[in-house]
């Protein structure tokens, strides 16, 4: 049985070799940079105060079911 770390290192070397031989490393680098910038911007401007529901809000109709409702 081959250890998982050996497989990961082998696949990493094959991937890096393939990127260098096919000359697409610049596209991958630019894509990775844009993705990293998007994640950083999302983390910067994310508002976490509205990610939870207060118990008082639930008691006064914060969660209302529309199943079986007649409009």
C-alpha atoms as a PDB file:
ATOM      1  CA  UNK A   1       0.000   0.000   0.000  1.00  0.00           C
ATOM      2  CA  UNK A   2       1.326   3.441  -0.956  1.00  0.00           C
ATOM      3  CA  UNK A   3       1.132   6.213   1.633  1.00  0.00           C
ATOM      4  CA  UNK A   4      -1.199   9.112   0.816  1.00  0.00           C
ATOM      5  CA  UNK A   5       1.617  11.631   1.255  1.00  0.00           C
ATOM      6  CA  UNK A   6       3.717   9.905  -1.392  1.00  0.00           C
ATOM      7  CA  UNK A   7       0.786  10.022  -3.812  1.00  0.00           C
ATOM      8  CA  UNK A   8       0.185  13.728  -3.070  1.00  0.00           C
ATOM      9  CA  UNK A   9       3.852  14.605  -3.600  1.00  0.00           C
ATOM     10  CA  UNK A  10       3.958  12.596  -6.826  1.00  0.00           C
ATOM     11  CA  UNK A  11       0.815  14.227  -8.178  1.00  0.00           C
ATOM     12  CA  UNK A  12       2.115  17.662  -7.166  1.00  0.00           C
ATOM     13  CA  UNK A  13       5.361  17.093  -9.056  1.00  0.00           C
ATOM     14  CA  UNK A  14       3.492  15.835 -12.134  1.00  0.00           C
ATOM     15  CA  UNK A  15       1.146  18.842 -11.974  1.00  0.00           C
ATOM     16  CA  UNK A  16       3.957  21.377 -11.660  1.00  0.00           C
ATOM     17  CA  UNK A  17       5.873  19.678 -14.459  1.00  0.00           C
ATOM     18  CA  UNK A  18       2.821  19.734 -16.691  1.00  0.00           C
ATOM     19  CA  UNK A  19       2.222  23.417 -15.976  1.00  0.00           C
ATOM     20  CA  UNK A  20       5.801  24.281 -16.845  1.00  0.00           C
ATOM     21  CA  UNK A  21       5.941  22.140 -19.982  1.00  0.00           C
ATOM     22  CA  UNK A  22       2.658  23.418 -21.408  1.00  0.00           C
ATOM     23  CA  UNK A  23       3.469  27.058 -20.581  1.00  0.00           C
ATOM     24  CA  UNK A  24       0.120  27.754 -18.933  1.00  0.00           C
ATOM     25  CA  UNK A  25       1.634  28.689 -15.572  1.00  0.00           C
ATOM     26  CA  UNK A  26       1.012  32.397 -16.195  1.00  0.00           C
ATOM     27  CA  UNK A  27      -2.711  31.822 -16.759  1.00  0.00           C
ATOM     28  CA  UNK A  28      -2.911  29.739 -13.585  1.00  0.00           C
ATOM     29  CA  UNK A  29      -1.012  32.389 -11.619  1.00  0.00           C
ATOM     30  CA  UNK A  30      -3.292  35.190 -12.842  1.00  0.00           C
ATOM     31  CA  UNK A  31      -6.421  33.133 -12.120  1.00  0.00           C
ATOM     32  CA  UNK A  32      -5.164  32.283  -8.638  1.00  0.00           C
ATOM     33  CA  UNK A  33      -4.388  35.963  -7.969  1.00  0.00           C
ATOM     34  CA  UNK A  34      -7.859  37.077  -9.083  1.00  0.00           C
ATOM     35  CA  UNK A  35      -9.488  34.379  -6.942  1.00  0.00           C
ATOM     36  CA  UNK A  36      -7.422  35.373  -3.924  1.00  0.00           C
ATOM     37  CA  UNK A  37      -8.358  39.030  -4.414  1.00  0.00           C
ATOM     38  CA  UNK A  38     -12.058  38.112  -4.605  1.00  0.00           C
ATOM     39  CA  UNK A  39     -11.846  36.104  -1.373  1.00  0.00           C
ATOM     40  CA  UNK A  40     -10.027  38.928   0.421  1.00  0.00           C
ATOM     41  CA  UNK A  41     -12.594  41.507  -0.757  1.00  0.00           C
ATOM     42  CA  UNK A  42     -15.455  39.254   0.350  1.00  0.00           C
ATOM     43  CA  UNK A  43     -13.871  38.763   3.773  1.00  0.00           C
ATOM     44  CA  UNK A  44     -13.282  42.509   4.105  1.00  0.00           C
ATOM     45  CA  UNK A  45     -16.815  43.665   3.309  1.00  0.00           C
ATOM     46  CA  UNK A  46     -18.809  40.784   4.807  1.00  0.00           C
ATOM     47  CA  UNK A  47     -21.219  41.849   7.525  1.00  0.00           C
ATOM     48  CA  UNK A  48     -21.514  39.200  10.225  1.00  0.00           C
ATOM     49  CA  UNK A  49     -24.053  40.908  12.480  1.00  0.00           C
ATOM     50  CA  UNK A  50     -27.012  39.627  10.470  1.00  0.00           C
ATOM     51  CA  UNK A  51     -25.911  35.989  10.245  1.00  0.00           C
ATOM     52  CA  UNK A  52     -27.868  34.886  13.303  1.00  0.00           C
ATOM     53  CA  UNK A  53     -31.490  35.069  14.312  1.00  0.00           C
ATOM     54  CA  UNK A  54     -32.359  36.459  17.718  1.00  0.00           C
ATOM     55  CA  UNK A  55     -34.741  34.418  19.892  1.00  0.00           C
ATOM     56  CA  UNK A  56     -36.991  37.443  20.419  1.00  0.00           C
ATOM     57  CA  UNK A  57     -37.268  37.883  16.665  1.00  0.00           C
ATOM     58  CA  UNK A  58     -38.409  34.273  16.321  1.00  0.00           C
ATOM     59  CA  UNK A  59     -41.046  34.755  19.042  1.00  0.00           C
ATOM     60  CA  UNK A  60     -42.526  37.760  17.249  1.00  0.00           C
ATOM     61  CA  UNK A  61     -42.761  36.178  13.800  1.00  0.00           C
ATOM     62  CA  UNK A  62     -39.177  36.222  12.588  1.00  0.00           C
ATOM     63  CA  UNK A  63     -39.534  32.791  11.030  1.00  0.00           C
ATOM     64  CA  UNK A  64     -42.824  32.517   9.248  1.00  0.00           C
ATOM     65  CA  UNK A  65     -43.741  29.439   7.307  1.00  0.00           C
ATOM     66  CA  UNK A  66     -45.391  29.893   3.954  1.00  0.00           C
ATOM     67  CA  UNK A  67     -46.237  26.214   3.618  1.00  0.00           C
ATOM     68  CA  UNK A  68     -49.983  25.937   3.242  1.00  0.00           C
ATOM     69  CA  UNK A  69     -50.423  29.708   3.175  1.00  0.00           C
ATOM     70  CA  UNK A  70     -53.151  31.137   0.983  1.00  0.00           C
ATOM     71  CA  UNK A  71     -52.301  34.244  -0.962  1.00  0.00           C
END
